Amino acid sequence: MSAAEVEGVFQRARGRTLDAFSSEKEREWKGPFYFIQGADPQFGLMKAWSTGDCDSSGDEWEQEVRLTEHAVQAINTLNPKPKFFVLCGDLIHAMPGTPWRKEQTKDLQRVLGTVDREIPLVLVSGNHDVGNVPTAETIEEFCQTWGDDYFSFWVGGVLFLVLNSQLLYDASRCPALKQAQDLWLDQQLSLAVQRRCQHAIVFQHIPLFLQSIDEDDDYFNLTRSVRKEMADKFTKAGVRAVFSGHYHRNAGGTYENLDMVVSSAIGCQLGKDTHGLRVVVVTAEKIVHRYYSLDELSEKGIEDDLMELMKQQ
């Protein structure tokens, strides 16, 4: 892809918003719609996981290429088209400063470049994208490649917030960037209350929790103190759902009125789920979601009961 094409497809999140949607036109509720959520294509992990060396292996990613091509094909054939396709982090496996990162990025951009141009891409940063302990430099590299690491946008009266969850996990090497995201988030949540948005929805890579707000700290969740602070902040502002990846398995739970949705991977599976995507239908009253295998979605499409929800006014 040319530099202009890369910018037009992958760097649409600039100035803390997404240029695919005109915020003023999109701030009013217009009726039900749906979007597609995916997570963790993570080019290179399947080889690394199979060898038991996730730190230095990962020099092959043909399987992930085929799976992501399958995902794109499934999305491109959906009718009606989804409002957007969000990828909740770990776009590639190679960490910042490690071998194969440039090659994995190029191959992923080639595959994602075939997504229907009428379906905007929303790209979320994961730990493999900015590093387990991010720095100003690794975050800047992500922003130059994929667009802003945190931003907001409106679609049909719904406010969507994209967060850099590594700043919640360990910002010890970039505390000022965490402070900036915290301040921005507080402003966005205040706006959600003031504008009385139909719903507010958050996308981030690391889940707040996998099943319960009180579960033990783990590699796959945020620490108890951070998750409780964030969950309380979200519920107070009326956020209805948080969608994430990172776990490479389907999971999730609820906290008060907040739905924590953890989606399995397009790429490497660490449990018994299938490579897949999640269909998310947004109605005036509720948010309904269902995980589909890539085969199910490409061969059968979205089931009738979800299609019916989108006909409601």
C-alpha atoms as a PDB file:
ATOM      1  CA  MET A   1       0.000   0.000   0.000  1.00  0.00           C
ATOM      2  CA  SER A   2       1.154   3.554  -0.672  1.00  0.00           C
ATOM      3  CA  ALA A   3       1.786   5.975   2.195  1.00  0.00           C
ATOM      4  CA  ALA A   4      -1.426   7.824   1.335  1.00  0.00           C
ATOM      5  CA  GLU A   5      -3.444   4.597   1.360  1.00  0.00           C
ATOM      6  CA  VAL A   6      -1.951   3.563   4.712  1.00  0.00           C
ATOM      7  CA  GLU A   7      -2.866   6.927   6.213  1.00  0.00           C
ATOM      8  CA  GLY A   8      -6.381   6.803   4.775  1.00  0.00           C
ATOM      9  CA  VAL A   9      -7.114   3.336   6.132  1.00  0.00           C
ATOM     10  CA  PHE A  10      -5.093   2.918   9.334  1.00  0.00           C
ATOM     11  CA  GLN A  11      -4.417   6.406  10.656  1.00  0.00           C
ATOM     12  CA  ARG A  12      -7.942   7.775  10.812  1.00  0.00           C
ATOM     13  CA  ALA A  13      -7.797   8.349  14.566  1.00  0.00           C
ATOM     14  CA  ARG A  14      -6.176  11.770  14.852  1.00  0.00           C
ATOM     15  CA  GLY A  15      -6.686  14.601  17.307  1.00  0.00           C
ATOM     16  CA  ARG A  16      -8.376  12.135  19.713  1.00  0.00           C
ATOM     17  CA  THR A  17     -11.260  11.446  17.358  1.00  0.00           C
ATOM     18  CA  LEU A  18     -12.004   9.251  14.338  1.00  0.00           C
ATOM     19  CA  ASP A  19     -12.356  11.064  11.042  1.00  0.00           C
ATOM     20  CA  ALA A  20     -14.626   8.360   9.614  1.00  0.00           C
ATOM     21  CA  PHE A  21     -17.583   9.838  11.476  1.00  0.00           C
ATOM     22  CA  SER A  22     -18.778  13.434  11.542  1.00  0.00           C
ATOM     23  CA  SER A  23     -19.313  13.955  15.252  1.00  0.00           C
ATOM     24  CA  GLU A  24     -22.079  16.558  14.931  1.00  0.00           C
ATOM     25  CA  LYS A  25     -24.132  14.487  12.477  1.00  0.00           C
ATOM     26  CA  GLU A  26     -23.623  11.332  14.515  1.00  0.00           C
ATOM     27  CA  ARG A  27     -24.622  12.643  17.949  1.00  0.00           C
ATOM     28  CA  GLU A  28     -28.331  11.998  17.473  1.00  0.00           C
ATOM     29  CA  TRP A  29     -29.970   8.589  17.842  1.00  0.00           C
ATOM     30  CA  LYS A  30     -31.089   7.328  14.426  1.00  0.00           C
ATOM     31  CA  GLY A  31     -32.168   3.773  15.239  1.00  0.00           C
ATOM     32  CA  PRO A  32     -30.517   0.375  15.809  1.00  0.00           C
ATOM     33  CA  PHE A  33     -27.228  -0.539  14.182  1.00  0.00           C
ATOM     34  CA  TYR A  34     -24.444  -3.054  14.605  1.00  0.00           C
ATOM     35  CA  PHE A  35     -20.674  -3.288  14.524  1.00  0.00           C
ATOM     36  CA  ILE A  36     -18.112  -6.090  14.463  1.00  0.00           C
ATOM     37  CA  GLN A  37     -15.557  -6.622  17.209  1.00  0.00           C
ATOM     38  CA  GLY A  38     -12.424  -8.701  16.762  1.00  0.00           C
ATOM     39  CA  ALA A  39      -9.290  -9.105  18.836  1.00  0.00           C
ATOM     40  CA  ASP A  40      -5.768 -10.470  18.780  1.00  0.00           C
ATOM     41  CA  PRO A  41      -4.928 -11.349  15.185  1.00  0.00           C
ATOM     42  CA  GLN A  42      -1.411 -11.246  16.705  1.00  0.00           C
ATOM     43  CA  PHE A  43       0.632 -12.298  13.704  1.00  0.00           C
ATOM     44  CA  GLY A  44       3.368 -14.664  14.934  1.00  0.00           C
ATOM     45  CA  LEU A  45       1.876 -16.014  18.183  1.00  0.00           C
ATOM     46  CA  MET A  46       0.682 -19.363  16.823  1.00  0.00           C
ATOM     47  CA  LYS A  47       4.227 -20.420  15.890  1.00  0.00           C
ATOM     48  CA  ALA A  48       5.644 -18.979  19.120  1.00  0.00           C
ATOM     49  CA  TRP A  49       3.012 -20.703  21.262  1.00  0.00           C
ATOM     50  CA  SER A  50       3.546 -24.044  19.526  1.00  0.00           C
ATOM     51  CA  THR A  51       7.285 -23.930  20.265  1.00  0.00           C
ATOM     52  CA  GLY A  52       6.825 -22.781  23.858  1.00  0.00           C
ATOM     53  CA  ASP A  53       8.956 -19.690  23.240  1.00  0.00           C
ATOM     54  CA  CYS A  54       6.656 -16.689  23.152  1.00  0.00           C
ATOM     55  CA  ASP A  55       9.438 -14.185  23.771  1.00  0.00           C
ATOM     56  CA  SER A  56      11.813 -14.826  20.878  1.00  0.00           C
ATOM     57  CA  SER A  57       9.985 -17.122  18.455  1.00  0.00           C
ATOM     58  CA  GLY A  58       7.192 -16.100  16.087  1.00  0.00           C
ATOM     59  CA  ASP A  59       9.061 -16.017  12.804  1.00  0.00           C
ATOM     60  CA  GLU A  60       6.103 -17.476  10.885  1.00  0.00           C
ATOM     61  CA  TRP A  61       2.563 -16.137  10.661  1.00  0.00           C
ATOM     62  CA  GLU A  62       0.991 -17.733   7.604  1.00  0.00           C
ATOM     63  CA  GLN A  63      -1.826 -19.210   9.713  1.00  0.00           C
ATOM     64  CA  GLU A  64      -2.724 -15.811  11.138  1.00  0.00           C
ATOM     65  CA  VAL A  65      -2.680 -14.281   7.664  1.00  0.00           C
ATOM     66  CA  ARG A  66      -5.189 -16.880   6.438  1.00  0.00           C
ATOM     67  CA  LEU A  67      -7.410 -16.456   9.502  1.00  0.00           C
ATOM     68  CA  THR A  68      -7.449 -12.678   9.218  1.00  0.00           C
ATOM     69  CA  GLU A  69      -8.188 -12.927   5.487  1.00  0.00           C
ATOM     70  CA  HIS A  70     -11.094 -15.212   6.418  1.00  0.00           C
ATOM     71  CA  ALA A  71     -12.329 -12.641   8.951  1.00  0.00           C
ATOM     72  CA  VAL A  72     -12.149  -9.829   6.407  1.00  0.00           C
ATOM     73  CA  GLN A  73     -13.976 -11.927   3.815  1.00  0.00           C
ATOM     74  CA  ALA A  74     -16.747 -12.673   6.321  1.00  0.00           C
ATOM     75  CA  ILE A  75     -17.126  -8.996   7.220  1.00  0.00           C
ATOM     76  CA  ASN A  76     -17.112  -7.809   3.613  1.00  0.00           C
ATOM     77  CA  THR A  77     -20.035 -10.078   2.694  1.00  0.00           C
ATOM     78  CA  LEU A  78     -22.340  -8.941   5.515  1.00  0.00           C
ATOM     79  CA  ASN A  79     -25.538  -7.189   4.460  1.00  0.00           C
ATOM     80  CA  PRO A  80     -26.316  -4.626   5.728  1.00  0.00           C
ATOM     81  CA  LYS A  81     -22.766  -3.513   6.321  1.00  0.00           C
ATOM     82  CA  PRO A  82     -21.598  -3.010   9.906  1.00  0.00           C
ATOM     83  CA  LYS A  83     -21.045   0.572  11.009  1.00  0.00           C
ATOM     84  CA  PHE A  84     -17.398  -0.249  11.721  1.00  0.00           C
ATOM     85  CA  PHE A  85     -14.946  -3.040  12.525  1.00  0.00           C
ATOM     86  CA  VAL A  86     -13.015  -2.651  15.786  1.00  0.00           C
ATOM     87  CA  LEU A  87      -9.883  -4.681  16.548  1.00  0.00           C
ATOM     88  CA  CYS A  88      -9.229  -4.724  20.288  1.00  0.00           C
ATOM     89  CA  GLY A  89      -5.469  -4.917  20.344  1.00  0.00           C
ATOM     90  CA  ASP A  90      -2.470  -7.198  19.870  1.00  0.00           C
ATOM     91  CA  LEU A  91      -2.487  -6.568  16.180  1.00  0.00           C
ATOM     92  CA  ILE A  92       0.903  -8.290  15.865  1.00  0.00           C
ATOM     93  CA  HIS A  93       3.005 -10.465  18.189  1.00  0.00           C
ATOM     94  CA  ALA A  94       6.479  -8.930  17.858  1.00  0.00           C
ATOM     95  CA  MET A  95       7.033  -6.486  20.712  1.00  0.00           C
ATOM     96  CA  PRO A  96       8.555  -3.042  20.065  1.00  0.00           C
ATOM     97  CA  GLY A  97      12.234  -3.357  19.219  1.00  0.00           C
ATOM     98  CA  THR A  98      12.125  -7.082  18.410  1.00  0.00           C
ATOM     99  CA  PRO A  99      12.633  -8.996  15.144  1.00  0.00           C
ATOM    100  CA  TRP A 100       9.798  -9.465  12.633  1.00  0.00           C
ATOM    101  CA  ARG A 101       7.815  -6.433  13.828  1.00  0.00           C
ATOM    102  CA  LYS A 102       8.116  -4.519  10.565  1.00  0.00           C
ATOM    103  CA  GLU A 103       7.280  -7.588   8.477  1.00  0.00           C
ATOM    104  CA  GLN A 104       4.277  -8.548  10.614  1.00  0.00           C
ATOM    105  CA  THR A 105       2.961  -4.980  10.467  1.00  0.00           C
ATOM    106  CA  LYS A 106       3.308  -4.870   6.671  1.00  0.00           C
ATOM    107  CA  ASP A 107       1.461  -8.167   6.231  1.00  0.00           C
ATOM    108  CA  LEU A 108      -1.352  -7.174   8.591  1.00  0.00           C
ATOM    109  CA  GLN A 109      -1.811  -3.857   6.829  1.00  0.00           C
ATOM    110  CA  ARG A 110      -1.955  -5.669   3.505  1.00  0.00           C
ATOM    111  CA  VAL A 111      -4.753  -7.941   4.769  1.00  0.00           C
ATOM    112  CA  LEU A 112      -6.704  -5.236   6.600  1.00  0.00           C
ATOM    113  CA  GLY A 113      -6.353  -3.030   3.553  1.00  0.00           C
ATOM    114  CA  THR A 114      -8.887  -5.306   1.834  1.00  0.00           C
ATOM    115  CA  VAL A 115     -11.677  -4.442   4.285  1.00  0.00           C
ATOM    116  CA  ASP A 116     -14.557  -2.760   2.439  1.00  0.00           C
ATOM    117  CA  ARG A 117     -13.796   0.981   2.400  1.00  0.00           C
ATOM    118  CA  GLU A 118     -17.334   1.667   3.578  1.00  0.00           C
ATOM    119  CA  ILE A 119     -16.540  -0.155   6.846  1.00  0.00           C
ATOM    120  CA  PRO A 120     -14.149   2.020   8.878  1.00  0.00           C
ATOM    121  CA  LEU A 121     -11.449   0.319  10.943  1.00  0.00           C
ATOM    122  CA  VAL A 122     -11.154   1.164  14.637  1.00  0.00           C
ATOM    123  CA  LEU A 123      -7.760   0.057  15.955  1.00  0.00           C
ATOM    124  CA  VAL A 124      -7.019  -0.434  19.659  1.00  0.00           C
ATOM    125  CA  SER A 125      -3.521  -0.771  21.121  1.00  0.00           C
ATOM    126  CA  GLY A 126      -2.541  -3.923  23.013  1.00  0.00           C
ATOM    127  CA  ASN A 127       0.464  -4.912  25.088  1.00  0.00           C
ATOM    128  CA  HIS A 128       2.245  -6.403  22.078  1.00  0.00           C
ATOM    129  CA  ASP A 129       1.615  -3.200  20.141  1.00  0.00           C
ATOM    130  CA  VAL A 130       3.087  -0.737  22.671  1.00  0.00           C
ATOM    131  CA  GLY A 131       4.968  -3.065  25.048  1.00  0.00           C
ATOM    132  CA  ASN A 132       4.067  -4.500  28.449  1.00  0.00           C
ATOM    133  CA  VAL A 133       5.668  -1.425  30.016  1.00  0.00           C
ATOM    134  CA  PRO A 134       5.099   1.243  27.360  1.00  0.00           C
ATOM    135  CA  THR A 135       7.261   4.286  26.815  1.00  0.00           C
ATOM    136  CA  ALA A 136       6.651   7.558  25.038  1.00  0.00           C
ATOM    137  CA  GLU A 137       8.642   6.139  22.118  1.00  0.00           C
ATOM    138  CA  THR A 138       6.683   2.876  21.771  1.00  0.00           C
ATOM    139  CA  ILE A 139       3.372   4.711  21.976  1.00  0.00           C
ATOM    140  CA  GLU A 140       4.521   7.226  19.380  1.00  0.00           C
ATOM    141  CA  GLU A 141       5.506   4.363  17.074  1.00  0.00           C
ATOM    142  CA  PHE A 142       2.004   2.899  17.429  1.00  0.00           C
ATOM    143  CA  CYS A 143       0.399   6.270  16.725  1.00  0.00           C
ATOM    144  CA  GLN A 144       2.505   6.802  13.622  1.00  0.00           C
ATOM    145  CA  THR A 145       1.572   3.323  12.339  1.00  0.00           C
ATOM    146  CA  TRP A 146      -2.043   2.855  13.430  1.00  0.00           C
ATOM    147  CA  GLY A 147      -3.370   6.231  14.648  1.00  0.00           C
ATOM    148  CA  ASP A 148      -4.036   7.626  18.128  1.00  0.00           C
ATOM    149  CA  ASP A 149      -3.741   5.230  21.064  1.00  0.00           C
ATOM    150  CA  TYR A 150      -6.862   6.676  22.712  1.00  0.00           C
ATOM    151  CA  PHE A 151      -9.749   8.605  21.199  1.00  0.00           C
ATOM    152  CA  SER A 152     -13.531   8.911  21.056  1.00  0.00           C
ATOM    153  CA  PHE A 153     -16.165   8.997  18.350  1.00  0.00           C
ATOM    154  CA  TRP A 154     -19.952   9.138  18.001  1.00  0.00           C
ATOM    155  CA  VAL A 155     -22.101   6.827  15.907  1.00  0.00           C
ATOM    156  CA  GLY A 156     -25.862   7.318  15.818  1.00  0.00           C
ATOM    157  CA  GLY A 157     -26.123   8.897  19.267  1.00  0.00           C
ATOM    158  CA  VAL A 158     -23.740   6.428  20.924  1.00  0.00           C
ATOM    159  CA  LEU A 159     -20.408   7.584  22.360  1.00  0.00           C
ATOM    160  CA  PHE A 160     -17.504   5.170  21.847  1.00  0.00           C
ATOM    161  CA  LEU A 161     -14.310   5.508  23.889  1.00  0.00           C
ATOM    162  CA  VAL A 162     -11.063   3.774  22.890  1.00  0.00           C
ATOM    163  CA  LEU A 163      -8.474   3.457  25.681  1.00  0.00           C
ATOM    164  CA  ASN A 164      -4.809   2.502  25.871  1.00  0.00           C
ATOM    165  CA  SER A 165      -5.097  -0.116  28.627  1.00  0.00           C
ATOM    166  CA  GLN A 166      -1.314  -0.444  28.996  1.00  0.00           C
ATOM    167  CA  LEU A 167      -1.403   2.977  30.644  1.00  0.00           C
ATOM    168  CA  LEU A 168      -3.717   1.385  33.228  1.00  0.00           C
ATOM    169  CA  TYR A 169      -1.523  -1.728  33.544  1.00  0.00           C
ATOM    170  CA  ASP A 170       1.941  -0.193  33.992  1.00  0.00           C
ATOM    171  CA  ALA A 171       2.700   3.432  33.124  1.00  0.00           C
ATOM    172  CA  SER A 172       5.870   3.582  35.212  1.00  0.00           C
ATOM    173  CA  ARG A 173       7.956   4.648  32.199  1.00  0.00           C
ATOM    174  CA  CYS A 174       5.463   7.223  30.876  1.00  0.00           C
ATOM    175  CA  PRO A 175       3.485   8.648  33.847  1.00  0.00           C
ATOM    176  CA  ALA A 176       2.718  11.909  32.067  1.00  0.00           C
ATOM    177  CA  LEU A 177       0.967  10.043  29.255  1.00  0.00           C
ATOM    178  CA  LYS A 178      -1.185   8.183  31.771  1.00  0.00           C
ATOM    179  CA  GLN A 179      -2.120  11.470  33.411  1.00  0.00           C
ATOM    180  CA  ALA A 180      -3.113  12.869  30.034  1.00  0.00           C
ATOM    181  CA  GLN A 181      -5.340   9.894  29.230  1.00  0.00           C
ATOM    182  CA  ASP A 182      -6.918  10.020  32.710  1.00  0.00           C
ATOM    183  CA  LEU A 183      -7.769  13.699  32.315  1.00  0.00           C
ATOM    184  CA  TRP A 184      -9.110  13.174  28.804  1.00  0.00           C
ATOM    185  CA  LEU A 185     -11.237  10.227  29.944  1.00  0.00           C
ATOM    186  CA  ASP A 186     -12.781  12.215  32.793  1.00  0.00           C
ATOM    187  CA  GLN A 187     -13.694  14.935  30.301  1.00  0.00           C
ATOM    188  CA  GLN A 188     -15.230  12.415  27.912  1.00  0.00           C
ATOM    189  CA  LEU A 189     -17.282  10.736  30.635  1.00  0.00           C
ATOM    190  CA  SER A 190     -18.524  14.126  31.785  1.00  0.00           C
ATOM    191  CA  LEU A 191     -19.541  14.851  28.199  1.00  0.00           C
ATOM    192  CA  ALA A 192     -21.415  11.536  28.042  1.00  0.00           C
ATOM    193  CA  VAL A 193     -23.494  12.613  31.032  1.00  0.00           C
ATOM    194  CA  GLN A 194     -24.065  16.153  29.758  1.00  0.00           C
ATOM    195  CA  ARG A 195     -25.070  15.090  26.252  1.00  0.00           C
ATOM    196  CA  ARG A 196     -27.268  12.249  27.533  1.00  0.00           C
ATOM    197  CA  CYS A 197     -25.940   9.904  24.880  1.00  0.00           C
ATOM    198  CA  GLN A 198     -28.074   6.890  24.058  1.00  0.00           C
ATOM    199  CA  HIS A 199     -25.270   4.617  25.290  1.00  0.00           C
ATOM    200  CA  ALA A 200     -21.561   4.888  26.037  1.00  0.00           C
ATOM    201  CA  ILE A 201     -19.287   1.959  25.133  1.00  0.00           C
ATOM    202  CA  VAL A 202     -15.574   1.419  25.863  1.00  0.00           C
ATOM    203  CA  PHE A 203     -12.989  -0.519  23.850  1.00  0.00           C
ATOM    204  CA  GLN A 204      -9.684  -1.557  25.438  1.00  0.00           C
ATOM    205  CA  HIS A 205      -7.299  -4.488  25.121  1.00  0.00           C
ATOM    206  CA  ILE A 206      -6.954  -5.727  28.705  1.00  0.00           C
ATOM    207  CA  PRO A 207     -10.263  -6.608  30.410  1.00  0.00           C
ATOM    208  CA  LEU A 208     -11.200  -4.948  33.667  1.00  0.00           C
ATOM    209  CA  PHE A 209     -11.953  -8.493  34.853  1.00  0.00           C
ATOM    210  CA  LEU A 210     -12.554 -11.914  33.311  1.00  0.00           C
ATOM    211  CA  GLN A 211     -15.567 -13.019  35.354  1.00  0.00           C
ATOM    212  CA  SER A 212     -15.949 -10.999  38.551  1.00  0.00           C
ATOM    213  CA  ILE A 213     -14.922  -7.575  39.823  1.00  0.00           C
ATOM    214  CA  ASP A 214     -13.498  -9.291  42.929  1.00  0.00           C
ATOM    215  CA  GLU A 215     -11.357 -11.925  41.196  1.00  0.00           C
ATOM    216  CA  ASP A 216      -7.643 -12.228  41.904  1.00  0.00           C
ATOM    217  CA  ASP A 217      -5.118 -10.150  40.003  1.00  0.00           C
ATOM    218  CA  ASP A 218      -3.849 -11.952  36.918  1.00  0.00           C
ATOM    219  CA  TYR A 219      -1.816 -11.355  33.749  1.00  0.00           C
ATOM    220  CA  PHE A 220      -5.105 -11.196  31.854  1.00  0.00           C
ATOM    221  CA  ASN A 221      -6.916  -8.544  33.935  1.00  0.00           C
ATOM    222  CA  LEU A 222      -6.253  -5.190  35.552  1.00  0.00           C
ATOM    223  CA  THR A 223      -5.352  -5.026  39.240  1.00  0.00           C
ATOM    224  CA  ARG A 224      -8.219  -4.904  41.723  1.00  0.00           C
ATOM    225  CA  SER A 225      -7.667  -1.282  42.707  1.00  0.00           C
ATOM    226  CA  VAL A 226      -7.475  -0.084  39.108  1.00  0.00           C
ATOM    227  CA  ARG A 227     -10.399  -2.189  37.844  1.00  0.00           C
ATOM    228  CA  LYS A 228     -12.655  -1.046  40.708  1.00  0.00           C
ATOM    229  CA  GLU A 229     -11.744   2.598  40.147  1.00  0.00           C
ATOM    230  CA  MET A 230     -12.389   2.319  36.408  1.00  0.00           C
ATOM    231  CA  ALA A 231     -15.605   0.306  36.788  1.00  0.00           C
ATOM    232  CA  ASP A 232     -17.010   2.818  39.280  1.00  0.00           C
ATOM    233  CA  LYS A 233     -16.047   5.681  36.998  1.00  0.00           C
ATOM    234  CA  PHE A 234     -17.736   3.975  34.049  1.00  0.00           C
ATOM    235  CA  THR A 235     -20.949   3.061  35.856  1.00  0.00           C
ATOM    236  CA  LYS A 236     -21.286   6.553  37.323  1.00  0.00           C
ATOM    237  CA  ALA A 237     -21.119   7.998  33.803  1.00  0.00           C
ATOM    238  CA  GLY A 238     -23.603   5.464  32.409  1.00  0.00           C
ATOM    239  CA  VAL A 239     -21.178   3.351  30.353  1.00  0.00           C
ATOM    240  CA  ARG A 240     -23.073   0.213  29.387  1.00  0.00           C
ATOM    241  CA  ALA A 241     -20.317  -2.108  28.147  1.00  0.00           C
ATOM    242  CA  VAL A 242     -16.564  -2.606  27.905  1.00  0.00           C
ATOM    243  CA  PHE A 243     -15.312  -4.784  25.033  1.00  0.00           C
ATOM    244  CA  SER A 244     -11.822  -6.247  25.197  1.00  0.00           C
ATOM    245  CA  GLY A 245      -9.561  -9.069  24.030  1.00  0.00           C
ATOM    246  CA  HIS A 246      -6.171 -10.178  25.441  1.00  0.00           C
ATOM    247  CA  TYR A 247      -7.453 -13.436  27.001  1.00  0.00           C
ATOM    248  CA  HIS A 248      -7.635 -15.427  23.734  1.00  0.00           C
ATOM    249  CA  ARG A 249     -10.811 -17.020  25.136  1.00  0.00           C
ATOM    250  CA  ASN A 250     -14.374 -15.835  25.549  1.00  0.00           C
ATOM    251  CA  ALA A 251     -15.216 -14.647  29.051  1.00  0.00           C
ATOM    252  CA  GLY A 252     -16.919 -11.791  30.859  1.00  0.00           C
ATOM    253  CA  GLY A 253     -19.286 -10.777  33.606  1.00  0.00           C
ATOM    254  CA  THR A 254     -21.234  -7.833  34.978  1.00  0.00           C
ATOM    255  CA  TYR A 255     -20.650  -5.188  37.596  1.00  0.00           C
ATOM    256  CA  GLU A 256     -23.727  -3.195  38.569  1.00  0.00           C
ATOM    257  CA  ASN A 257     -25.074  -2.106  35.148  1.00  0.00           C
ATOM    258  CA  LEU A 258     -21.776  -2.588  33.326  1.00  0.00           C
ATOM    259  CA  ASP A 259     -21.266  -5.514  30.931  1.00  0.00           C
ATOM    260  CA  MET A 260     -17.619  -6.670  30.689  1.00  0.00           C
ATOM    261  CA  VAL A 261     -17.255  -8.543  27.376  1.00  0.00           C
ATOM    262  CA  VAL A 262     -14.057 -10.503  26.698  1.00  0.00           C
ATOM    263  CA  SER A 263     -13.777 -11.810  23.140  1.00  0.00           C
ATOM    264  CA  SER A 264     -11.563 -14.619  21.944  1.00  0.00           C
ATOM    265  CA  ALA A 265      -9.034 -14.179  19.183  1.00  0.00           C
ATOM    266  CA  ILE A 266      -9.026 -14.105  15.428  1.00  0.00           C
ATOM    267  CA  GLY A 267      -5.594 -15.664  15.803  1.00  0.00           C
ATOM    268  CA  CYS A 268      -4.159 -18.054  18.398  1.00  0.00           C
ATOM    269  CA  GLN A 269      -6.653 -19.744  20.738  1.00  0.00           C
ATOM    270  CA  LEU A 270      -5.558 -20.458  24.322  1.00  0.00           C
ATOM    271  CA  GLY A 271      -8.770 -22.260  25.266  1.00  0.00           C
ATOM    272  CA  LYS A 272     -11.564 -24.200  23.593  1.00  0.00           C
ATOM    273  CA  ASP A 273     -13.115 -21.369  21.575  1.00  0.00           C
ATOM    274  CA  THR A 274     -12.888 -21.047  17.812  1.00  0.00           C
ATOM    275  CA  HIS A 275     -11.230 -18.323  15.768  1.00  0.00           C
ATOM    276  CA  GLY A 276     -13.982 -15.760  15.508  1.00  0.00           C
ATOM    277  CA  LEU A 277     -15.616 -12.349  15.622  1.00  0.00           C
ATOM    278  CA  ARG A 278     -18.321 -10.786  17.771  1.00  0.00           C
ATOM    279  CA  VAL A 279     -21.448  -9.191  16.319  1.00  0.00           C
ATOM    280  CA  VAL A 280     -22.719  -6.339  18.498  1.00  0.00           C
ATOM    281  CA  VAL A 281     -26.222  -4.931  17.946  1.00  0.00           C
ATOM    282  CA  VAL A 282     -27.054  -1.583  19.535  1.00  0.00           C
ATOM    283  CA  THR A 283     -30.738  -0.797  20.084  1.00  0.00           C
ATOM    284  CA  ALA A 284     -32.345   2.109  21.905  1.00  0.00           C
ATOM    285  CA  GLU A 285     -32.674   0.053  25.097  1.00  0.00           C
ATOM    286  CA  LYS A 286     -29.878  -2.492  25.070  1.00  0.00           C
ATOM    287  CA  ILE A 287     -26.643  -3.841  23.630  1.00  0.00           C
ATOM    288  CA  VAL A 288     -26.836  -7.434  22.390  1.00  0.00           C
ATOM    289  CA  HIS A 289     -23.737  -9.354  21.326  1.00  0.00           C
ATOM    290  CA  ARG A 290     -22.915 -12.826  20.036  1.00  0.00           C
ATOM    291  CA  TYR A 291     -19.621 -14.521  19.185  1.00  0.00           C
ATOM    292  CA  TYR A 292     -19.432 -16.318  15.824  1.00  0.00           C
ATOM    293  CA  SER A 293     -16.749 -18.612  14.475  1.00  0.00           C
ATOM    294  CA  LEU A 294     -15.262 -17.340  11.228  1.00  0.00           C
ATOM    295  CA  ASP A 295     -16.874 -20.236   9.384  1.00  0.00           C
ATOM    296  CA  GLU A 296     -20.315 -19.525  10.882  1.00  0.00           C
ATOM    297  CA  LEU A 297     -20.218 -15.836  10.042  1.00  0.00           C
ATOM    298  CA  SER A 298     -18.928 -16.302   6.488  1.00  0.00           C
ATOM    299  CA  GLU A 299     -21.245 -19.197   5.611  1.00  0.00           C
ATOM    300  CA  LYS A 300     -24.466 -18.303   7.438  1.00  0.00           C
ATOM    301  CA  GLY A 301     -24.187 -14.607   8.259  1.00  0.00           C
ATOM    302  CA  ILE A 302     -25.956 -12.946  11.168  1.00  0.00           C
ATOM    303  CA  GLU A 303     -28.851 -14.889  12.677  1.00  0.00           C
ATOM    304  CA  ASP A 304     -32.442 -13.776  12.190  1.00  0.00           C
ATOM    305  CA  ASP A 305     -33.091 -12.750  15.803  1.00  0.00           C
ATOM    306  CA  LEU A 306     -30.255 -10.223  15.697  1.00  0.00           C
ATOM    307  CA  MET A 307     -31.395  -8.965  12.304  1.00  0.00           C
ATOM    308  CA  GLU A 308     -34.862  -8.425  13.735  1.00  0.00           C
ATOM    309  CA  LEU A 309     -33.446  -6.249  16.509  1.00  0.00           C
ATOM    310  CA  MET A 310     -32.038  -3.902  13.882  1.00  0.00           C
ATOM    311  CA  LYS A 311     -35.494  -3.395  12.375  1.00  0.00           C
ATOM    312  CA  GLN A 312     -36.869  -1.991  15.611  1.00  0.00           C
ATOM    313  CA  GLN A 313     -37.222   1.760  15.942  1.00  0.00           C
END
